[in-house]
């Protein structure tokens, strides 16, 4: 099963970011690479997805909602290994408990010059989450039904790293506003799930 990744990303891409991406020659950049995990798990017989709240700091992703993950290191065998390692480091989910289902479409993030490689995985049991204090202010558990609910798609006026007071497409999940690259990746996940359900 595949979905048009870039088309699903576009749904949640702020207009200013779209213009910026069109003007960039990304492949010519010396972009770094990172990987994140979209992790499914059961909680009270409902499938959940784990997100994290980044701490406030002097940086472009301060205080944002994200998927567990981070920068690829030279010792990582591949991006799957990066996503698994970072998920264990950031939220305490042991790599040997995660089954990786598939890779999703990578996303470029201009402010930090990263290609982010998302992966979809699951655990058979709800993990005993442990937040890495330096990287994670809070672990957020989102019922998958919230992601699939069209009523949780909205837009917010935000000041971002590249524009002030702009209208940004977003999800409202578990009381948090999710926008930017994370929302773009979740949009592809949502389209994949809805396509699968329809079959």
N, C-alpha and C. Protein backbone atom coordinates (compact mmCIF):
# COMPACT_ATOMS: atom_id res chain seq x y z
N UNK A 1 0.85 -1.19 0.00
CA UNK A 1 0.00 0.00 0.00
C UNK A 1 0.89 1.25 0.00
N UNK A 2 0.65 2.15 -0.92
CA UNK A 2 1.42 3.38 -0.96
C UNK A 2 0.47 4.55 -1.17
N UNK A 3 0.87 5.71 -0.71
CA UNK A 3 0.08 6.92 -0.93
C UNK A 3 1.03 7.97 -1.50
N UNK A 4 0.50 8.98 -2.19
CA UNK A 4 1.37 10.03 -2.73
C UNK A 4 1.92 10.90 -1.60
N UNK A 5 3.15 10.58 -1.18
CA UNK A 5 3.72 11.23 0.00
C UNK A 5 3.79 12.73 -0.09
N UNK A 6 4.38 13.25 -1.18
CA UNK A 6 4.54 14.70 -1.29
C UNK A 6 3.20 15.41 -1.37
N UNK A 7 2.22 14.79 -2.02
CA UNK A 7 0.88 15.39 -2.10
C UNK A 7 0.24 15.46 -0.71
N UNK A 8 0.42 14.41 0.09
CA UNK A 8 -0.15 14.42 1.44
C UNK A 8 0.59 15.41 2.33
N UNK A 9 1.90 15.58 2.11
CA UNK A 9 2.65 16.59 2.85
C UNK A 9 2.13 17.99 2.54
N UNK A 10 1.83 18.23 1.25
CA UNK A 10 1.44 19.56 0.80
C UNK A 10 0.20 20.06 1.54
N UNK A 11 -0.70 19.14 1.91
CA UNK A 11 -1.93 19.52 2.62
C UNK A 11 -1.62 20.30 3.88
N UNK A 12 -0.52 19.92 4.57
CA UNK A 12 -0.18 20.53 5.85
C UNK A 12 1.06 21.43 5.75
N UNK A 13 1.39 21.85 4.54
CA UNK A 13 2.56 22.72 4.36
C UNK A 13 2.13 24.18 4.35
N UNK A 14 2.67 25.01 5.26
CA UNK A 14 2.35 26.44 5.22
C UNK A 14 2.74 27.04 3.88
N UNK A 15 1.95 28.01 3.41
CA UNK A 15 2.17 28.59 2.09
C UNK A 15 3.56 29.20 1.96
N UNK A 16 4.01 29.88 3.03
CA UNK A 16 5.34 30.49 2.98
C UNK A 16 6.42 29.43 2.85
N UNK A 17 6.22 28.28 3.50
CA UNK A 17 7.18 27.18 3.40
C UNK A 17 7.17 26.60 1.99
N UNK A 18 6.00 26.48 1.39
CA UNK A 18 5.91 25.96 0.02
C UNK A 18 6.70 26.82 -0.95
N UNK A 19 6.55 28.14 -0.81
CA UNK A 19 7.28 29.06 -1.69
C UNK A 19 8.79 28.91 -1.48
N UNK A 20 9.19 28.78 -0.22
CA UNK A 20 10.60 28.63 0.10
C UNK A 20 11.18 27.35 -0.50
N UNK A 21 10.43 26.26 -0.38
CA UNK A 21 10.90 24.97 -0.90
C UNK A 21 11.05 25.01 -2.42
N UNK A 22 10.14 25.71 -3.10
CA UNK A 22 10.20 25.79 -4.56
C UNK A 22 11.44 26.55 -5.02
N UNK A 23 11.89 27.51 -4.21
CA UNK A 23 13.03 28.33 -4.61
C UNK A 23 14.37 27.70 -4.25
N UNK A 24 14.36 26.67 -3.42
CA UNK A 24 15.59 26.03 -2.97
C UNK A 24 16.05 24.95 -3.95
N UNK A 25 17.32 24.81 -4.07
CA UNK A 25 17.89 23.65 -4.78
C UNK A 25 18.42 22.71 -3.71
N UNK A 26 17.49 21.93 -3.15
CA UNK A 26 17.81 21.16 -1.95
C UNK A 26 18.94 20.16 -2.18
N UNK A 27 18.93 19.49 -3.32
CA UNK A 27 19.93 18.46 -3.55
C UNK A 27 21.35 19.04 -3.58
N UNK A 28 21.45 20.34 -3.84
CA UNK A 28 22.77 20.96 -3.88
C UNK A 28 23.24 21.35 -2.48
N UNK A 29 22.32 21.37 -1.53
CA UNK A 29 22.69 21.69 -0.16
C UNK A 29 23.44 20.52 0.47
N UNK A 30 24.24 20.83 1.44
CA UNK A 30 24.88 19.77 2.22
C UNK A 30 23.98 19.49 3.42
N UNK A 31 22.79 19.02 3.12
CA UNK A 31 21.80 18.78 4.18
C UNK A 31 22.22 17.61 5.05
N UNK A 32 21.88 17.71 6.33
CA UNK A 32 22.10 16.60 7.25
C UNK A 32 20.88 15.68 7.20
N UNK A 33 21.00 14.53 7.84
CA UNK A 33 19.92 13.55 7.84
C UNK A 33 19.50 13.19 9.25
N UNK A 34 18.20 12.97 9.40
CA UNK A 34 17.64 12.55 10.68
C UNK A 34 16.56 11.52 10.39
N UNK A 35 16.13 10.83 11.43
CA UNK A 35 15.04 9.85 11.28
C UNK A 35 14.14 9.91 12.49
N UNK A 36 12.85 9.66 12.26
CA UNK A 36 11.85 9.69 13.33
C UNK A 36 10.98 8.44 13.25
N UNK A 37 10.31 8.14 14.36
CA UNK A 37 9.46 6.96 14.43
C UNK A 37 8.02 7.36 14.72
N UNK A 38 7.11 6.88 13.86
CA UNK A 38 5.68 6.96 14.12
C UNK A 38 5.32 5.63 14.79
N UNK A 39 5.22 5.65 16.10
CA UNK A 39 5.10 4.40 16.85
C UNK A 39 3.66 4.17 17.32
N UNK A 40 3.06 3.07 16.85
CA UNK A 40 1.73 2.64 17.29
C UNK A 40 1.88 1.68 18.47
N UNK A 41 0.92 1.75 19.40
CA UNK A 41 0.91 0.81 20.53
C UNK A 41 -0.50 0.80 21.12
N UNK A 42 -0.87 -0.27 21.81
CA UNK A 42 -2.22 -0.31 22.42
C UNK A 42 -2.24 0.32 23.81
N UNK A 43 -3.30 1.05 24.07
CA UNK A 43 -3.53 1.59 25.41
C UNK A 43 -5.03 1.56 25.65
N UNK A 44 -5.46 0.82 26.67
CA UNK A 44 -6.89 0.66 26.95
C UNK A 44 -7.64 0.20 25.70
N UNK A 45 -7.08 -0.80 25.03
CA UNK A 45 -7.60 -1.42 23.80
C UNK A 45 -7.80 -0.44 22.63
N UNK A 46 -7.19 0.72 22.73
CA UNK A 46 -7.24 1.71 21.64
C UNK A 46 -5.81 1.92 21.13
N UNK A 47 -5.65 1.93 19.80
CA UNK A 47 -4.33 2.19 19.22
C UNK A 47 -3.95 3.65 19.43
N UNK A 48 -2.74 3.86 19.94
CA UNK A 48 -2.23 5.21 20.19
C UNK A 48 -0.95 5.44 19.38
N UNK A 49 -0.59 6.72 19.26
CA UNK A 49 0.63 7.18 18.62
C UNK A 49 1.35 8.07 19.61
N UNK A 50 2.68 7.91 19.73
CA UNK A 50 3.41 8.75 20.68
C UNK A 50 4.03 9.95 19.98
N UNK A 51 3.85 11.13 20.57
CA UNK A 51 4.49 12.36 20.15
C UNK A 51 5.27 12.91 21.35
N UNK A 52 6.12 13.88 21.09
CA UNK A 52 6.86 14.50 22.18
C UNK A 52 6.77 16.02 22.08
N UNK A 53 6.88 16.67 23.22
CA UNK A 53 6.97 18.12 23.29
C UNK A 53 8.43 18.48 23.52
N UNK A 54 8.99 19.24 22.59
CA UNK A 54 10.37 19.68 22.74
C UNK A 54 10.47 20.76 23.82
N UNK A 55 11.56 20.79 24.58
CA UNK A 55 11.73 21.84 25.59
C UNK A 55 11.91 23.21 24.94
N UNK A 56 11.76 24.25 25.74
CA UNK A 56 12.04 25.60 25.26
C UNK A 56 13.56 25.80 25.27
N UNK A 57 14.10 26.24 24.14
CA UNK A 57 15.54 26.48 24.05
C UNK A 57 15.80 27.47 22.92
N UNK A 58 17.04 27.90 22.78
CA UNK A 58 17.40 28.83 21.71
C UNK A 58 17.61 28.04 20.43
N UNK A 59 16.56 27.80 19.70
CA UNK A 59 16.68 27.02 18.48
C UNK A 59 15.40 27.05 17.69
N UNK A 60 15.45 26.56 16.44
CA UNK A 60 14.30 26.70 15.54
C UNK A 60 13.13 25.79 15.90
N UNK A 61 13.38 24.73 16.68
CA UNK A 61 12.29 23.81 17.00
C UNK A 61 11.88 23.88 18.47
N UNK A 62 12.20 24.99 19.11
CA UNK A 62 11.90 25.17 20.53
C UNK A 62 10.40 25.06 20.80
N UNK A 63 10.04 24.24 21.79
CA UNK A 63 8.66 24.14 22.24
C UNK A 63 7.70 23.52 21.25
N UNK A 64 8.19 22.84 20.22
CA UNK A 64 7.30 22.27 19.21
C UNK A 64 6.96 20.81 19.52
N UNK A 65 5.86 20.37 18.94
CA UNK A 65 5.47 18.97 19.01
C UNK A 65 6.20 18.21 17.90
N UNK A 66 6.74 17.05 18.24
CA UNK A 66 7.53 16.29 17.27
C UNK A 66 7.28 14.80 17.44
N UNK A 67 7.80 14.04 16.50
CA UNK A 67 7.87 12.59 16.62
C UNK A 67 9.22 12.26 17.26
N UNK A 68 9.29 11.18 18.04
CA UNK A 68 10.59 10.81 18.60
C UNK A 68 11.59 10.54 17.48
N UNK A 69 12.78 11.07 17.62
CA UNK A 69 13.79 10.87 16.59
C UNK A 69 14.89 11.89 16.70
N UNK A 70 15.82 11.82 15.77
CA UNK A 70 16.93 12.76 15.81
C UNK A 70 17.95 12.49 14.73
N UNK A 71 19.10 13.12 14.88
CA UNK A 71 20.14 13.13 13.87
C UNK A 71 20.76 11.75 13.66
N UNK A 72 21.01 11.44 12.38
CA UNK A 72 21.71 10.19 12.05
C UNK A 72 23.18 10.32 12.43
N UNK A 73 23.69 9.28 13.04
CA UNK A 73 25.10 9.24 13.42
C UNK A 73 25.85 8.28 12.51
N UNK A 74 27.16 8.47 12.41
CA UNK A 74 27.96 7.64 11.50
C UNK A 74 27.92 6.16 11.88
N UNK A 75 27.69 5.87 13.15
CA UNK A 75 27.67 4.47 13.57
C UNK A 75 26.31 3.80 13.33
N UNK A 76 25.28 4.56 12.94
CA UNK A 76 23.98 3.95 12.63
C UNK A 76 24.09 3.17 11.32
N UNK A 77 23.59 1.97 11.32
CA UNK A 77 23.68 1.12 10.13
C UNK A 77 22.87 1.70 8.96
N UNK A 78 21.72 2.31 9.29
CA UNK A 78 20.85 2.92 8.30
C UNK A 78 19.89 3.85 9.03
N UNK A 79 18.95 4.46 8.28
CA UNK A 79 18.03 5.40 8.91
C UNK A 79 17.03 4.70 9.82
N UNK A 80 16.72 3.45 9.52
CA UNK A 80 15.85 2.67 10.43
C UNK A 80 16.52 2.56 11.79
N UNK A 81 17.81 2.27 11.79
CA UNK A 81 18.57 2.16 13.03
C UNK A 81 18.58 3.49 13.79
N UNK A 82 18.68 4.59 13.03
CA UNK A 82 18.64 5.93 13.66
C UNK A 82 17.31 6.14 14.37
N UNK A 83 16.21 5.84 13.67
CA UNK A 83 14.87 6.05 14.25
C UNK A 83 14.68 5.19 15.50
N UNK A 84 15.12 3.95 15.45
CA UNK A 84 14.98 3.06 16.61
C UNK A 84 15.85 3.54 17.78
N UNK A 85 17.09 3.88 17.49
CA UNK A 85 18.00 4.34 18.55
C UNK A 85 17.48 5.61 19.21
N UNK A 86 17.07 6.56 18.39
CA UNK A 86 16.60 7.84 18.94
C UNK A 86 15.30 7.66 19.73
N UNK A 87 14.44 6.76 19.29
CA UNK A 87 13.19 6.50 20.03
C UNK A 87 13.49 5.91 21.39
N UNK A 88 14.48 5.03 21.44
CA UNK A 88 14.87 4.49 22.74
C UNK A 88 15.48 5.57 23.62
N UNK A 89 16.34 6.40 23.04
CA UNK A 89 16.99 7.45 23.83
C UNK A 89 16.00 8.49 24.34
N UNK A 90 15.05 8.89 23.47
CA UNK A 90 14.18 10.01 23.83
C UNK A 90 12.98 9.62 24.68
N UNK A 91 12.40 8.45 24.44
CA UNK A 91 11.20 8.08 25.19
C UNK A 91 11.29 6.70 25.85
N UNK A 92 12.47 6.07 25.79
CA UNK A 92 12.69 4.84 26.55
C UNK A 92 12.09 3.58 25.97
N UNK A 93 11.73 3.58 24.69
CA UNK A 93 11.16 2.37 24.07
C UNK A 93 12.30 1.52 23.51
N UNK A 94 12.50 0.35 24.07
CA UNK A 94 13.62 -0.49 23.67
C UNK A 94 13.49 -0.93 22.21
N UNK A 95 14.60 -0.86 21.49
CA UNK A 95 14.59 -1.15 20.06
C UNK A 95 14.09 -2.56 19.76
N UNK A 96 14.38 -3.53 20.63
CA UNK A 96 13.98 -4.90 20.33
C UNK A 96 12.49 -5.16 20.54
N UNK A 97 11.76 -4.15 21.04
CA UNK A 97 10.30 -4.31 21.20
C UNK A 97 9.53 -3.71 20.04
N UNK A 98 10.24 -3.02 19.13
CA UNK A 98 9.57 -2.30 18.03
C UNK A 98 9.68 -3.10 16.73
N UNK A 99 8.54 -3.31 16.09
CA UNK A 99 8.51 -3.89 14.74
C UNK A 99 8.32 -2.75 13.75
N UNK A 100 9.29 -2.58 12.86
CA UNK A 100 9.20 -1.52 11.86
C UNK A 100 8.41 -2.04 10.66
N UNK A 101 7.33 -1.33 10.32
CA UNK A 101 6.43 -1.77 9.25
C UNK A 101 6.93 -1.27 7.89
N UNK A 102 7.25 0.02 7.82
CA UNK A 102 7.67 0.57 6.53
C UNK A 102 8.28 1.95 6.71
N UNK A 103 8.98 2.39 5.68
CA UNK A 103 9.47 3.76 5.64
C UNK A 103 8.42 4.62 4.96
N UNK A 104 8.39 5.90 5.35
CA UNK A 104 7.47 6.85 4.75
C UNK A 104 8.29 7.86 3.94
N UNK A 105 7.63 8.87 3.37
CA UNK A 105 8.30 9.82 2.50
C UNK A 105 9.11 10.83 3.30
N UNK A 106 10.37 11.02 2.90
CA UNK A 106 11.22 11.95 3.64
C UNK A 106 10.74 13.39 3.45
N UNK A 107 11.06 14.24 4.43
CA UNK A 107 10.65 15.64 4.44
C UNK A 107 11.90 16.51 4.63
N UNK A 108 12.00 17.59 3.86
CA UNK A 108 13.11 18.52 4.04
C UNK A 108 12.67 19.67 4.95
N UNK A 109 13.52 20.02 5.91
CA UNK A 109 13.22 21.12 6.85
C UNK A 109 14.25 22.22 6.63
N UNK A 110 13.87 23.29 5.91
CA UNK A 110 14.84 24.35 5.59
C UNK A 110 15.49 25.03 6.80
N UNK A 111 14.74 25.41 7.88
CA UNK A 111 15.39 26.16 8.96
C UNK A 111 16.57 25.44 9.59
N UNK A 112 16.49 24.10 9.67
CA UNK A 112 17.58 23.35 10.28
C UNK A 112 18.41 22.57 9.26
N UNK A 113 18.02 22.66 7.97
CA UNK A 113 18.73 22.00 6.88
C UNK A 113 18.86 20.49 7.10
N UNK A 114 17.73 19.85 7.38
CA UNK A 114 17.69 18.41 7.61
C UNK A 114 16.73 17.73 6.63
N UNK A 115 17.13 16.58 6.13
CA UNK A 115 16.19 15.62 5.55
C UNK A 115 15.75 14.71 6.68
N UNK A 116 14.46 14.60 6.90
CA UNK A 116 13.94 13.73 7.95
C UNK A 116 13.29 12.50 7.32
N UNK A 117 13.74 11.34 7.75
CA UNK A 117 13.26 10.06 7.21
C UNK A 117 12.33 9.42 8.24
N UNK A 118 11.01 9.40 7.97
CA UNK A 118 10.06 8.82 8.94
C UNK A 118 9.85 7.32 8.72
N UNK A 119 9.62 6.63 9.83
CA UNK A 119 9.33 5.20 9.78
C UNK A 119 8.08 4.91 10.61
N UNK A 120 7.34 3.91 10.16
CA UNK A 120 6.13 3.47 10.86
C UNK A 120 6.44 2.16 11.57
N UNK A 121 6.13 2.10 12.86
CA UNK A 121 6.39 0.89 13.63
C UNK A 121 5.34 0.68 14.70
N UNK A 122 5.41 -0.47 15.37
CA UNK A 122 4.46 -0.73 16.45
C UNK A 122 5.10 -1.60 17.53
N UNK A 123 4.51 -1.53 18.71
CA UNK A 123 4.86 -2.44 19.80
C UNK A 123 3.58 -3.16 20.22
N UNK A 124 3.75 -4.39 20.70
CA UNK A 124 2.58 -5.19 21.10
C UNK A 124 1.96 -4.71 22.40
N UNK A 125 2.74 -4.02 23.22
CA UNK A 125 2.26 -3.54 24.52
C UNK A 125 2.59 -2.07 24.68
N UNK A 126 1.83 -1.38 25.54
CA UNK A 126 2.13 0.03 25.80
C UNK A 126 3.49 0.13 26.47
N UNK A 127 4.41 0.92 25.89
CA UNK A 127 5.74 1.06 26.49
C UNK A 127 5.68 1.79 27.84
N UNK A 128 6.68 1.54 28.65
CA UNK A 128 6.86 2.29 29.89
C UNK A 128 7.73 3.49 29.53
N UNK A 129 7.08 4.58 29.10
CA UNK A 129 7.81 5.72 28.57
C UNK A 129 8.70 6.39 29.62
N UNK A 130 9.91 6.72 29.22
CA UNK A 130 10.83 7.48 30.06
C UNK A 130 11.38 8.61 29.20
N UNK A 131 11.02 9.85 29.53
CA UNK A 131 11.43 11.00 28.73
C UNK A 131 12.89 11.37 29.01
N UNK A 132 13.63 11.61 27.94
CA UNK A 132 15.01 12.11 28.07
C UNK A 132 14.93 13.61 28.36
N UNK A 133 15.32 14.01 29.55
CA UNK A 133 15.06 15.37 30.03
C UNK A 133 15.64 16.46 29.12
N UNK A 134 16.81 16.22 28.55
CA UNK A 134 17.43 17.25 27.72
C UNK A 134 16.69 17.48 26.41
N UNK A 135 16.00 16.45 25.92
CA UNK A 135 15.38 16.52 24.60
C UNK A 135 13.85 16.53 24.63
N UNK A 136 13.26 16.08 25.72
CA UNK A 136 11.81 15.88 25.77
C UNK A 136 11.22 16.51 27.03
N UNK A 137 10.35 17.50 26.83
CA UNK A 137 9.67 18.12 27.97
C UNK A 137 8.50 17.27 28.44
N UNK A 138 7.85 16.57 27.47
CA UNK A 138 6.68 15.76 27.82
C UNK A 138 6.44 14.71 26.75
N UNK A 139 6.02 13.52 27.18
CA UNK A 139 5.58 12.48 26.26
C UNK A 139 4.07 12.63 26.08
N UNK A 140 3.60 12.66 24.83
CA UNK A 140 2.19 12.89 24.53
C UNK A 140 1.62 11.64 23.85
N UNK A 141 0.57 11.09 24.43
CA UNK A 141 -0.07 9.90 23.88
C UNK A 141 -1.36 10.30 23.16
N UNK A 142 -1.42 10.00 21.87
CA UNK A 142 -2.54 10.43 21.04
C UNK A 142 -3.32 9.22 20.53
N UNK A 143 -4.61 9.11 20.84
CA UNK A 143 -5.41 8.05 20.24
C UNK A 143 -5.44 8.22 18.72
N UNK A 144 -5.28 7.15 17.99
CA UNK A 144 -5.23 7.23 16.53
C UNK A 144 -6.53 7.81 15.96
N UNK A 145 -7.63 7.61 16.68
CA UNK A 145 -8.91 8.16 16.23
C UNK A 145 -8.87 9.68 16.14
N UNK A 146 -8.04 10.33 16.97
CA UNK A 146 -7.92 11.79 16.91
C UNK A 146 -7.25 12.23 15.61
N UNK A 147 -6.23 11.48 15.18
CA UNK A 147 -5.55 11.81 13.93
C UNK A 147 -6.49 11.64 12.75
N UNK A 148 -7.35 10.64 12.79
CA UNK A 148 -8.25 10.35 11.68
C UNK A 148 -9.47 11.25 11.66
N UNK A 149 -9.74 11.96 12.74
CA UNK A 149 -10.91 12.83 12.85
C UNK A 149 -10.69 14.13 12.08
N UNK A 150 -11.45 14.35 11.03
CA UNK A 150 -11.30 15.56 10.21
C UNK A 150 -11.56 16.84 11.01
N UNK A 151 -12.31 16.71 12.10
CA UNK A 151 -12.57 17.87 12.95
C UNK A 151 -11.34 18.39 13.66
N UNK A 152 -10.27 17.61 13.67
CA UNK A 152 -9.04 18.03 14.33
C UNK A 152 -8.04 18.66 13.37
N UNK A 153 -8.45 18.85 12.10
CA UNK A 153 -7.62 19.59 11.14
C UNK A 153 -8.04 21.05 11.20
N UNK A 154 -7.09 21.91 11.41
CA UNK A 154 -7.41 23.33 11.61
C UNK A 154 -6.27 24.18 11.05
N UNK A 155 -6.31 25.46 11.33
CA UNK A 155 -5.19 26.34 11.00
C UNK A 155 -5.01 27.32 12.15
N UNK A 156 -3.78 27.73 12.34
CA UNK A 156 -3.43 28.63 13.44
C UNK A 156 -2.59 29.77 12.89
N UNK A 157 -2.70 30.94 13.54
CA UNK A 157 -1.79 32.03 13.22
C UNK A 157 -0.59 31.91 14.15
N UNK A 158 0.57 31.67 13.55
CA UNK A 158 1.77 31.44 14.34
C UNK A 158 2.92 32.30 13.82
N UNK A 159 3.88 32.54 14.69
CA UNK A 159 5.14 33.14 14.29
C UNK A 159 6.16 32.02 14.24
N UNK A 160 6.73 31.80 13.07
CA UNK A 160 7.64 30.69 12.86
C UNK A 160 9.07 31.22 12.68
N UNK A 161 9.98 30.30 12.41
CA UNK A 161 11.38 30.70 12.20
C UNK A 161 11.55 31.47 10.89
N UNK A 162 10.55 31.40 9.99
CA UNK A 162 10.71 32.02 8.68
C UNK A 162 9.64 33.06 8.36
N UNK A 163 8.66 33.26 9.23
CA UNK A 163 7.62 34.27 8.96
C UNK A 163 6.87 34.60 10.25
N UNK A 164 6.33 35.82 10.31
CA UNK A 164 5.59 36.25 11.49
C UNK A 164 4.09 36.27 11.21
N UNK A 165 3.33 35.78 12.18
CA UNK A 165 1.88 35.88 12.16
C UNK A 165 1.28 35.35 10.85
N UNK A 166 1.65 34.10 10.51
CA UNK A 166 1.13 33.51 9.28
C UNK A 166 0.14 32.40 9.61
N UNK A 167 -0.74 32.15 8.66
CA UNK A 167 -1.73 31.09 8.79
C UNK A 167 -1.04 29.75 8.49
N UNK A 168 -1.12 28.84 9.45
CA UNK A 168 -0.41 27.57 9.32
C UNK A 168 -1.39 26.41 9.48
N UNK A 169 -1.48 25.50 8.49
CA UNK A 169 -2.35 24.33 8.66
C UNK A 169 -1.80 23.45 9.78
N UNK A 170 -2.69 22.86 10.56
CA UNK A 170 -2.24 22.11 11.72
C UNK A 170 -3.27 21.06 12.13
N UNK A 171 -2.82 20.16 13.00
CA UNK A 171 -3.69 19.23 13.70
C UNK A 171 -3.81 19.68 15.15
N UNK A 172 -4.98 19.47 15.74
CA UNK A 172 -5.12 19.60 17.19
C UNK A 172 -5.24 18.20 17.75
N UNK A 173 -4.21 17.75 18.45
CA UNK A 173 -4.15 16.39 18.96
C UNK A 173 -3.87 16.40 20.45
N UNK A 174 -4.77 15.81 21.21
CA UNK A 174 -4.62 15.73 22.67
C UNK A 174 -4.36 17.10 23.28
N UNK A 175 -4.99 18.12 22.71
CA UNK A 175 -4.87 19.47 23.26
C UNK A 175 -3.66 20.25 22.78
N UNK A 176 -2.87 19.67 21.89
CA UNK A 176 -1.66 20.33 21.38
C UNK A 176 -1.81 20.65 19.90
N UNK A 177 -1.19 21.76 19.48
CA UNK A 177 -1.18 22.15 18.07
C UNK A 177 0.05 21.53 17.42
N UNK A 178 -0.18 20.74 16.38
CA UNK A 178 0.90 20.07 15.67
C UNK A 178 0.97 20.63 14.26
N UNK A 179 2.12 21.21 13.88
CA UNK A 179 2.24 21.85 12.59
C UNK A 179 3.64 21.58 12.03
N UNK A 180 3.90 22.14 10.86
CA UNK A 180 5.23 22.01 10.28
C UNK A 180 5.51 20.61 9.78
N UNK A 181 6.78 20.20 9.85
CA UNK A 181 7.20 18.91 9.31
C UNK A 181 6.48 17.75 9.97
N UNK A 182 6.24 17.85 11.27
CA UNK A 182 5.54 16.76 11.97
C UNK A 182 4.13 16.60 11.42
N UNK A 183 3.43 17.71 11.21
CA UNK A 183 2.08 17.64 10.64
C UNK A 183 2.12 17.09 9.21
N UNK A 184 3.14 17.44 8.45
CA UNK A 184 3.27 16.94 7.08
C UNK A 184 3.42 15.42 7.08
N UNK A 185 4.26 14.92 7.98
CA UNK A 185 4.46 13.47 8.06
C UNK A 185 3.20 12.76 8.56
N UNK A 186 2.53 13.37 9.53
CA UNK A 186 1.29 12.77 10.04
C UNK A 186 0.19 12.80 8.99
N UNK A 187 0.23 13.78 8.09
CA UNK A 187 -0.76 13.85 7.02
C UNK A 187 -0.61 12.65 6.09
N UNK A 188 0.64 12.27 5.80
CA UNK A 188 0.86 11.08 4.97
C UNK A 188 0.38 9.83 5.70
N UNK A 189 0.67 9.75 6.99
CA UNK A 189 0.21 8.61 7.79
C UNK A 189 -1.31 8.52 7.79
N UNK A 190 -1.95 9.65 7.97
CA UNK A 190 -3.41 9.69 7.99
C UNK A 190 -3.98 9.23 6.65
N UNK A 191 -3.40 9.70 5.54
CA UNK A 191 -3.87 9.30 4.22
C UNK A 191 -3.66 7.80 4.00
N UNK A 192 -2.54 7.29 4.45
CA UNK A 192 -2.25 5.86 4.34
C UNK A 192 -3.29 5.04 5.09
N UNK A 193 -3.60 5.45 6.31
CA UNK A 193 -4.57 4.72 7.14
C UNK A 193 -5.97 4.78 6.54
N UNK A 194 -6.36 5.96 6.07
CA UNK A 194 -7.70 6.11 5.51
C UNK A 194 -7.84 5.31 4.21
N UNK A 195 -6.77 5.25 3.44
CA UNK A 195 -6.78 4.46 2.21
C UNK A 195 -6.91 2.97 2.55
N UNK A 196 -6.19 2.55 3.59
CA UNK A 196 -6.23 1.14 4.01
C UNK A 196 -7.61 0.76 4.53
N UNK A 197 -8.22 1.66 5.31
CA UNK A 197 -9.55 1.42 5.88
C UNK A 197 -10.59 1.29 4.77
N UNK A 198 -10.41 2.10 3.71
CA UNK A 198 -11.39 2.13 2.62
C UNK A 198 -11.37 0.85 1.77
N UNK A 199 -10.26 0.13 1.83
CA UNK A 199 -10.15 -1.08 1.00
C UNK A 199 -10.93 -2.24 1.57
